[in-house]
C-alpha atoms as a PDB file:
ATOM      1  CA  MET A   1      -8.199  26.879 -45.428  1.00  0.00           C
ATOM      2  CA  ILE A   2      -6.716  27.120 -41.563  1.00  0.00           C
ATOM      3  CA  TRP A   3      -4.265  28.707 -40.541  1.00  0.00           C
ATOM      4  CA  PHE A   4      -2.827  28.483 -37.829  1.00  0.00           C
ATOM      5  CA  ALA A   5       0.780  28.970 -35.410  1.00  0.00           C
ATOM      6  CA  CYS A   6       2.757  25.980 -34.015  1.00  0.00           C
ATOM      7  CA  LYS A   7       3.100  26.305 -30.328  1.00  0.00           C
ATOM      8  CA  GLN A   8       7.395  25.687 -30.107  1.00  0.00           C
ATOM      9  CA  CYS A   9       8.903  27.471 -33.332  1.00  0.00           C
ATOM     10  CA  GLY A  10       5.860  29.455 -34.404  1.00  0.00           C
ATOM     11  CA  LYS A  11       5.959  28.485 -37.812  1.00  0.00           C
ATOM     12  CA  ARG A  12       2.575  29.266 -39.653  1.00  0.00           C
ATOM     13  CA  GLN A  13       0.638  26.134 -40.762  1.00  0.00           C
ATOM     14  CA  GLU A  14      -1.302  26.010 -43.481  1.00  0.00           C
ATOM     15  CA  ARG A  15      -4.314  22.674 -43.924  1.00  0.00           C
ATOM     16  CA  PRO A  16      -7.584  22.272 -44.931  1.00  0.00           C
ATOM     17  CA  ASP A  17     -10.750  22.519 -43.658  1.00  0.00           C
ATOM     18  CA  SER A  18     -11.880  19.015 -43.549  1.00  0.00           C
ATOM     19  CA  ALA A  19      -8.772  18.594 -40.903  1.00  0.00           C
ATOM     20  CA  ALA A  20     -10.276  20.628 -38.454  1.00  0.00           C
ATOM     21  CA  GLY A  21      -9.588  19.124 -34.772  1.00  0.00           C
ATOM     22  CA  SER A  22      -6.817  16.267 -35.992  1.00  0.00           C
ATOM     23  CA  LEU A  23      -3.542  16.630 -34.626  1.00  0.00           C
ATOM     24  CA  VAL A  24      -0.404  17.342 -37.160  1.00  0.00           C
ATOM     25  CA  PHE A  25       3.471  17.074 -36.422  1.00  0.00           C
ATOM     26  CA  CYS A  26       5.289  20.809 -37.231  1.00  0.00           C
ATOM     27  CA  GLU A  27       8.839  20.127 -38.636  1.00  0.00           C
ATOM     28  CA  CYS A  28      10.442  21.016 -35.419  1.00  0.00           C
ATOM     29  CA  GLY A  29       8.686  17.823 -33.635  1.00  0.00           C
ATOM     30  CA  GLN A  30       5.868  19.876 -32.289  1.00  0.00           C
ATOM     31  CA  GLY A  31       2.345  18.174 -32.529  1.00  0.00           C
ATOM     32  CA  ASN A  32      -0.168  20.965 -32.577  1.00  0.00           C
ATOM     33  CA  ARG A  33      -4.060  20.678 -32.665  1.00  0.00           C
ATOM     34  CA  VAL A  34      -5.868  22.081 -36.022  1.00  0.00           C
ATOM     35  CA  PRO A  35      -7.979  24.553 -34.305  1.00  0.00           C
ATOM     36  CA  TRP A  36     -11.734  24.874 -36.472  1.00  0.00           C
ATOM     37  CA  GLU A  37     -10.883  28.885 -37.112  1.00  0.00           C
ATOM     38  CA  SER A  38      -7.717  30.518 -38.105  1.00  0.00           C
ATOM     39  CA  THR A  39      -5.396  31.867 -34.938  1.00  0.00           C
ATOM     40  CA  VAL A  40      -3.475  34.119 -37.322  1.00  0.00           C
ATOM     41  CA  GLU A  41      -3.660  36.088 -40.967  1.00  0.00           C
ATOM     42  CA  ALA A  42      -3.095  33.790 -43.793  1.00  0.00           C
ATOM     43  CA  PRO A  43      -0.228  35.193 -45.790  1.00  0.00           C
ATOM     44  CA  GLU A  44      -0.875  37.414 -48.896  1.00  0.00           C
ATOM     45  CA  LEU A  45      -0.015  36.186 -52.199  1.00  0.00           C
ATOM     46  CA  PRO A  46       0.713  38.069 -55.357  1.00  0.00           C
ATOM     47  CA  PRO A  47      -2.305  39.763 -56.765  1.00  0.00           C
ATOM     48  CA  GLU A  48      -2.531  36.924 -60.201  1.00  0.00           C
ATOM     49  CA  PRO A  49      -3.092  38.484 -63.572  1.00  0.00           C
ATOM     50  CA  ALA A  50      -6.098  39.219 -65.042  1.00  0.00           C
ATOM     51  CA  PRO A  51      -6.848  36.080 -67.502  1.00  0.00           C
ATOM     52  CA  SER A  52      -7.412  37.338 -71.139  1.00  0.00           C
ATOM     53  CA  VAL A  53     -11.253  37.034 -71.710  1.00  0.00           C
ATOM     54  CA  PRO A  54     -11.872  37.021 -76.003  1.00  0.00           C
ATOM     55  CA  PRO A  55     -14.800  39.589 -77.310  1.00  0.00           C
ATOM     56  CA  ARG A  56     -18.180  38.572 -76.185  1.00  0.00           C
ATOM     57  CA  ARG A  57     -20.279  37.831 -79.943  1.00  0.00           C
ATOM     58  CA  PRO A  58     -23.244  39.309 -79.978  1.00  0.00           C
ATOM     59  CA  ARG A  59     -26.616  37.628 -79.281  1.00  0.00           C
ATOM     60  CA  SER A  60     -29.050  37.374 -81.130  1.00  0.00           C
ATOM     61  CA  ALA A  61     -32.915  38.469 -80.051  1.00  0.00           C
ATOM     62  CA  ASP A  62     -34.677  35.158 -80.933  1.00  0.00           C
ATOM     63  CA  TYR A  63     -31.223  33.393 -79.752  1.00  0.00           C
ATOM     64  CA  ASP A  64     -31.812  32.125 -75.867  1.00  0.00           C
ATOM     65  CA  GLU A  65     -28.623  30.552 -74.154  1.00  0.00           C
ATOM     66  CA  PRO A  66     -28.896  27.584 -71.898  1.00  0.00           C
ATOM     67  CA  GLU A  67     -28.869  28.267 -68.062  1.00  0.00           C
ATOM     68  CA  ARG A  68     -25.386  26.800 -66.662  1.00  0.00           C
ATOM     69  CA  PRO A  69     -25.943  24.070 -63.592  1.00  0.00           C
ATOM     70  CA  ARG A  70     -24.654  26.578 -60.580  1.00  0.00           C
ATOM     71  CA  ARG A  71     -21.578  24.890 -58.722  1.00  0.00           C
ATOM     72  CA  PRO A  72     -22.160  23.449 -55.707  1.00  0.00           C
ATOM     73  CA  ARG A  73     -20.878  25.099 -52.335  1.00  0.00           C
ATOM     74  CA  TRP A  74     -18.099  23.187 -49.906  1.00  0.00           C
ATOM     75  CA  HIS A  75     -19.589  22.144 -46.910  1.00  0.00           C
ATOM     76  CA  GLU A  76     -18.325  24.929 -44.135  1.00  0.00           C
ATOM     77  CA  PRO A  77     -17.701  22.483 -40.326  1.00  0.00           C
ATOM     78  CA  THR A  78     -20.281  22.352 -38.261  1.00  0.00           C
ATOM     79  CA  PRO A  79     -19.349  23.634 -34.750  1.00  0.00           C
ATOM     80  CA  ARG A  80     -17.780  21.260 -32.271  1.00  0.00           C
ATOM     81  CA  ASP A  81     -19.362  20.436 -28.834  1.00  0.00           C
ATOM     82  CA  PRO A  82     -16.594  19.973 -26.203  1.00  0.00           C
ATOM     83  CA  ALA A  83     -19.650  17.541 -24.329  1.00  0.00           C
ATOM     84  CA  TYR A  84     -18.649  14.908 -27.189  1.00  0.00           C
ATOM     85  CA  CYS A  85     -15.956  12.910 -28.653  1.00  0.00           C
ATOM     86  CA  LEU A  86     -13.635  14.675 -30.458  1.00  0.00           C
ATOM     87  CA  ASN A  87     -13.734  10.944 -33.043  1.00  0.00           C
ATOM     88  CA  HIS A  88     -17.425  10.487 -32.384  1.00  0.00           C
ATOM     89  CA  GLN A  89     -19.443  13.272 -32.444  1.00  0.00           C
ATOM     90  CA  GLU A  90     -22.283  11.406 -31.217  1.00  0.00           C
ATOM     91  CA  VAL A  91     -20.925   9.300 -27.898  1.00  0.00           C
ATOM     92  CA  PRO A  92     -20.560  12.147 -24.756  1.00  0.00           C
ATOM     93  CA  TYR A  93     -17.033  12.231 -23.545  1.00  0.00           C
ATOM     94  CA  GLU A  94     -15.301  10.074 -21.202  1.00  0.00           C
ATOM     95  CA  GLN A  95     -11.620  10.975 -20.844  1.00  0.00           C
ATOM     96  CA  VAL A  96      -9.627  14.297 -21.347  1.00  0.00           C
ATOM     97  CA  CYS A  97      -5.942  13.385 -23.110  1.00  0.00           C
ATOM     98  CA  ALA A  98      -3.417  14.797 -20.462  1.00  0.00           C
ATOM     99  CA  ASP A  99      -1.206  16.405 -23.461  1.00  0.00           C
ATOM    100  CA  CYS A 100      -3.646  17.780 -25.751  1.00  0.00           C
ATOM    101  CA  GLY A 101      -6.710  18.651 -23.499  1.00  0.00           C
ATOM    102  CA  GLU A 102      -9.329  17.146 -25.931  1.00  0.00           C
ATOM    103  CA  HIS A 103     -12.123  15.455 -25.395  1.00  0.00           C
ATOM    104  CA  PHE A 104     -12.712  11.770 -26.041  1.00  0.00           C
ATOM    105  CA  CYS A 105     -14.654   8.877 -25.205  1.00  0.00           C
ATOM    106  CA  SER A 106     -13.048   5.695 -23.308  1.00  0.00           C
ATOM    107  CA  ALA A 107     -12.355   3.375 -26.924  1.00  0.00           C
ATOM    108  CA  CYS A 108     -10.443   6.678 -28.092  1.00  0.00           C
ATOM    109  CA  THR A 109      -7.822   6.950 -25.211  1.00  0.00           C
ATOM    110  CA  VAL A 110      -5.116   4.867 -23.510  1.00  0.00           C
ATOM    111  CA  THR A 111      -3.077   4.882 -20.508  1.00  0.00           C
ATOM    112  CA  PHE A 112       0.854   5.381 -20.942  1.00  0.00           C
ATOM    113  CA  ARG A 113       2.606   5.728 -18.133  1.00  0.00           C
ATOM    114  CA  GLY A 114      -0.241   6.178 -15.827  1.00  0.00           C
ATOM    115  CA  LYS A 115      -1.478   8.882 -17.681  1.00  0.00           C
ATOM    116  CA  THR A 116      -4.223   8.842 -20.225  1.00  0.00           C
ATOM    117  CA  LEU A 117      -3.959   9.903 -24.130  1.00  0.00           C
ATOM    118  CA  CYS A 118      -5.425  10.056 -26.354  1.00  0.00           C
ATOM    119  CA  GLY A 119      -3.949   7.543 -30.178  1.00  0.00           C
ATOM    120  CA  PRO A 120      -1.806  10.735 -31.845  1.00  0.00           C
ATOM    121  CA  CYS A 121      -0.115  12.285 -28.322  1.00  0.00           C
ATOM    122  CA  LYS A 122       0.723   8.441 -27.189  1.00  0.00           C
ATOM    123  CA  ASN A 123       2.644   7.686 -30.106  1.00  0.00           C
ATOM    124  CA  PHE A 124       3.901  10.914 -30.008  1.00  0.00           C
ATOM    125  CA  ARG A 125       4.978  10.256 -26.448  1.00  0.00           C
ATOM    126  CA  VAL A 126       6.457   6.336 -27.954  1.00  0.00           C
ATOM    127  CA  SER A 127       8.270   7.928 -30.264  1.00  0.00           C
ATOM    128  CA  GLY A 128      10.631  10.005 -27.556  1.00  0.00           C
ATOM    129  CA  VAL A 129      11.023   6.713 -26.049  1.00  0.00           C
ATOM    130  CA  HIS A 130      13.257   5.271 -28.208  1.00  0.00           C
ATOM    131  CA  ARG A 131      15.533   8.805 -28.659  1.00  0.00           C
ATOM    132  CA  PRO A 132      19.428   7.469 -27.721  1.00  0.00           C
ATOM    133  CA  LEU A 133      19.954   8.924 -24.058  1.00  0.00           C
ATOM    134  CA  ARG A 134      21.790  12.044 -23.183  1.00  0.00           C
ATOM    135  CA  VAL A 135      24.631  10.913 -20.448  1.00  0.00           C
ATOM    136  CA  SER A 136      25.175  13.867 -17.775  1.00  0.00           C
ATOM    137  CA  ALA A 137      27.776  15.844 -17.672  1.00  0.00           C
ATOM    138  CA  MET A 138      27.843  16.058 -14.070  1.00  0.00           C
ATOM    139  CA  ALA A 139      28.146  12.576 -13.959  1.00  0.00           C
ATOM    140  CA  ILE A 140      31.476  12.357 -15.874  1.00  0.00           C
ATOM    141  CA  LEU A 141      32.797  15.007 -14.077  1.00  0.00           C
ATOM    142  CA  SER A 142      32.026  13.496 -10.748  1.00  0.00           C
ATOM    143  CA  LEU A 143      33.779  10.222 -12.134  1.00  0.00           C
ATOM    144  CA  VAL A 144      36.897  12.215 -12.981  1.00  0.00           C
ATOM    145  CA  LEU A 145      37.390  14.134 -10.095  1.00  0.00           C
ATOM    146  CA  ALA A 146      36.967  11.428  -8.077  1.00  0.00           C
ATOM    147  CA  LEU A 147      39.487   9.238  -9.678  1.00  0.00           C
ATOM    148  CA  VAL A 148      41.468  12.172  -9.519  1.00  0.00           C
ATOM    149  CA  GLY A 149      41.344  13.203  -6.317  1.00  0.00           C
ATOM    150  CA  CYS A 150      40.529  10.056  -4.271  1.00  0.00           C
ATOM    151  CA  PRO A 151      44.769   9.760  -5.128  1.00  0.00           C
ATOM    152  CA  LEU A 152      45.193  13.374  -4.594  1.00  0.00           C
ATOM    153  CA  ALA A 153      43.605  12.742  -0.740  1.00  0.00           C
ATOM    154  CA  CYS A 154      45.509   9.495  -0.065  1.00  0.00           C
ATOM    155  CA  CYS A 155      48.431  11.540  -0.717  1.00  0.00           C
ATOM    156  CA  LEU A 156      47.615  15.022   0.731  1.00  0.00           C
ATOM    157  CA  SER A 157      46.392  13.486   4.202  1.00  0.00           C
ATOM    158  CA  SER A 158      49.363  10.912   4.202  1.00  0.00           C
ATOM    159  CA  ALA A 159      51.478  13.973   4.814  1.00  0.00           C
ATOM    160  CA  PRO A 160      50.350  15.534   7.943  1.00  0.00           C
ATOM    161  CA  VAL A 161      51.611  12.441   9.644  1.00  0.00           C
ATOM    162  CA  GLY A 162      55.183  13.406   9.249  1.00  0.00           C
ATOM    163  CA  ALA A 163      54.318  17.565   8.735  1.00  0.00           C
ATOM    164  CA  LEU A 164      52.385  17.260  12.414  1.00  0.00           C
ATOM    165  CA  ALA A 165      55.849  17.443  14.275  1.00  0.00           C
ATOM    166  CA  GLN A 166      56.591  20.348  12.913  1.00  0.00           C
ATOM    167  CA  SER A 167      53.559  22.454  12.334  1.00  0.00           C
ATOM    168  CA  THR A 168      49.906  21.777  12.946  1.00  0.00           C
ATOM    169  CA  LEU A 169      48.727  24.055  11.027  1.00  0.00           C
ATOM    170  CA  LEU A 170      50.033  22.836   8.249  1.00  0.00           C
ATOM    171  CA  ALA A 171      49.118  19.245   9.123  1.00  0.00           C
ATOM    172  CA  VAL A 172      45.456  20.790   9.053  1.00  0.00           C
ATOM    173  CA  VAL A 173      45.599  22.892   6.240  1.00  0.00           C
ATOM    174  CA  LEU A 174      47.025  19.692   3.853  1.00  0.00           C
ATOM    175  CA  CYS A 175      44.149  17.492   5.166  1.00  0.00           C
ATOM    176  CA  ALA A 176      41.099  20.098   4.592  1.00  0.00           C
ATOM    177  CA  ALA A 177      43.483  20.998   0.745  1.00  0.00           C
ATOM    178  CA  GLY A 178      43.140  16.820   0.064  1.00  0.00           C
ATOM    179  CA  LEU A 179      39.082  17.041   1.573  1.00  0.00           C
ATOM    180  CA  VAL A 180      38.301  19.715  -1.508  1.00  0.00           C
ATOM    181  CA  VAL A 181      38.425  18.157  -5.105  1.00  0.00           C
ATOM    182  CA  PRO A 182      36.337  14.266  -3.520  1.00  0.00           C
ATOM    183  CA  SER A 183      34.342  16.413  -1.975  1.00  0.00           C
ATOM    184  CA  THR A 184      33.275  18.578  -4.903  1.00  0.00           C
ATOM    185  CA  ALA A 185      33.686  15.331  -6.921  1.00  0.00           C
ATOM    186  CA  LEU A 186      30.330  13.571  -4.310  1.00  0.00           C
ATOM    187  CA  LEU A 187      28.007  16.404  -4.824  1.00  0.00           C
ATOM    188  CA  LEU A 188      28.228  16.916  -8.239  1.00  0.00           C
ATOM    189  CA  GLY A 189      27.966  12.527  -8.324  1.00  0.00           C
ATOM    190  CA  LEU A 190      24.884  13.838  -6.047  1.00  0.00           C
ATOM    191  CA  LEU A 191      23.697  16.552  -8.169  1.00  0.00           C
ATOM    192  CA  ALA A 192      23.549  13.967 -11.595  1.00  0.00           C
ATOM    193  CA  LEU A 193      21.864  10.677  -9.244  1.00  0.00           C
ATOM    194  CA  ARG A 194      19.180  13.791  -8.451  1.00  0.00           C
ATOM    195  CA  GLU A 195      18.799  14.524 -12.291  1.00  0.00           C
ATOM    196  CA  THR A 196      19.541  11.110 -13.991  1.00  0.00           C
ATOM    197  CA  ASP A 197      15.758  10.190 -11.306  1.00  0.00           C
ATOM    198  CA  SER A 198      13.645  13.065 -12.235  1.00  0.00           C
ATOM    199  CA  ASN A 199      14.375  13.107 -15.941  1.00  0.00           C
ATOM    200  CA  PRO A 200      14.035   9.993 -17.934  1.00  0.00           C
ATOM    201  CA  ARG A 201      15.862  11.666 -21.489  1.00  0.00           C
ATOM    202  CA  VAL A 202      19.027  11.514 -18.711  1.00  0.00           C
ATOM    203  CA  GLY A 203      21.253   8.928 -18.392  1.00  0.00           C
ATOM    204  CA  GLY A 204      24.998   8.366 -16.499  1.00  0.00           C
ATOM    205  CA  ARG A 205      23.306   6.379 -13.189  1.00  0.00           C
ATOM    206  CA  GLY A 206      26.084   4.356 -13.132  1.00  0.00           C
ATOM    207  CA  LEU A 207      28.684   7.117 -13.913  1.00  0.00           C
ATOM    208  CA  ALA A 208      27.369   9.041 -11.227  1.00  0.00           C
ATOM    209  CA  ILE A 209      27.126   6.042  -8.763  1.00  0.00           C
ATOM    210  CA  MET A 210      30.714   5.742  -9.468  1.00  0.00           C
ATOM    211  CA  GLY A 211      31.988   8.716  -9.285  1.00  0.00           C
ATOM    212  CA  SER A 212      30.292   9.062  -5.635  1.00  0.00           C
ATOM    213  CA  ALA A 213      31.064   5.697  -3.945  1.00  0.00           C
ATOM    214  CA  THR A 214      34.952   6.397  -5.127  1.00  0.00           C
ATOM    215  CA  ALA A 215      34.218  10.058  -3.585  1.00  0.00           C
ATOM    216  CA  VAL A 216      33.286   8.825  -0.645  1.00  0.00           C
ATOM    217  CA  MET A 217      36.675   6.920   0.106  1.00  0.00           C
ATOM    218  CA  GLY A 218      38.606   9.845  -0.153  1.00  0.00           C
ATOM    219  CA  VAL A 219      36.624  12.016   2.013  1.00  0.00           C
ATOM    220  CA  VAL A 220      36.374   9.437   5.032  1.00  0.00           C
ATOM    221  CA  LEU A 221      40.444   8.952   4.362  1.00  0.00           C
ATOM    222  CA  GLY A 222      40.762  13.226   4.462  1.00  0.00           C
ATOM    223  CA  VAL A 223      38.188  13.560   7.463  1.00  0.00           C
ATOM    224  CA  THR A 224      39.483  10.455   9.803  1.00  0.00           C
ATOM    225  CA  MET A 225      43.051  12.371   9.082  1.00  0.00           C
ATOM    226  CA  LEU A 226      41.889  15.552  10.405  1.00  0.00           C
ATOM    227  CA  LEU A 227      40.226  13.556  13.355  1.00  0.00           C
ATOM    228  CA  VAL A 228      43.565  12.104  14.026  1.00  0.00           C
ATOM    229  CA  ILE A 229      45.805  15.867  14.314  1.00  0.00           C
ATOM    230  CA  ALA A 230      42.541  16.884  16.509  1.00  0.00           C
ATOM    231  CA  GLY A 231      43.286  13.804  18.704  1.00  0.00           C
ATOM    232  CA  ARG A 232      46.838  14.287  18.944  1.00  0.00           C
ATOM    233  CA  GLN A 233      46.467  18.046  19.356  1.00  0.00           C
ATOM    234  CA  PHE A 234      43.804  17.322  22.369  1.00  0.00           C
ATOM    235  CA  VAL A 235      46.678  14.633  23.843  1.00  0.00           C
ATOM    236  CA  ASN A 236      49.401  16.692  23.959  1.00  0.00           C
END
């Protein structure tokens, strides 16, 4: 038997010698290539009770016991030459799998999303493509803050019109306060768009676009009021 550990969870795996070189999957979903020899120690088994042996009858001098046939030994796997295909030992390798790193001929590999993969690795990637997408938390938070911050920015940006006559500093503070929430929503929306572009398993791109567009309206309104206050101060 061949004993090895999973690359992801470290669980000890057991496979027969005939499975050497094949790709197997652990319970955690990680694909592992069965090595040609054990990489971890086999677990210690409890000692088996000694079988009861019946008493052997005495042999007479003129009695010859027939010779029993010898049991055939298990075929020991020969070491694999890395210069040849893993599945076809007589064909030189032409491609290297991008995931498992094993050598294969052109008949044993496929091109999946721009990468050369063997059959088991391609099947594992295809199974991952059909998994449900995870919606980005930053995209949801960006949309919520944008929907809350845009009306808040409108209210705080219109307040300086009346406060400008009393204190210019108060008007600037109100406009700056109105820019905090939309600016945060815009930043989260841009980070969410970057996350969805870099990780195909993360969804919520539409939410990130809506949050960013709504936040831009609040930011533009706040910046416009700041420019108006600065222009009036300059004129006065």
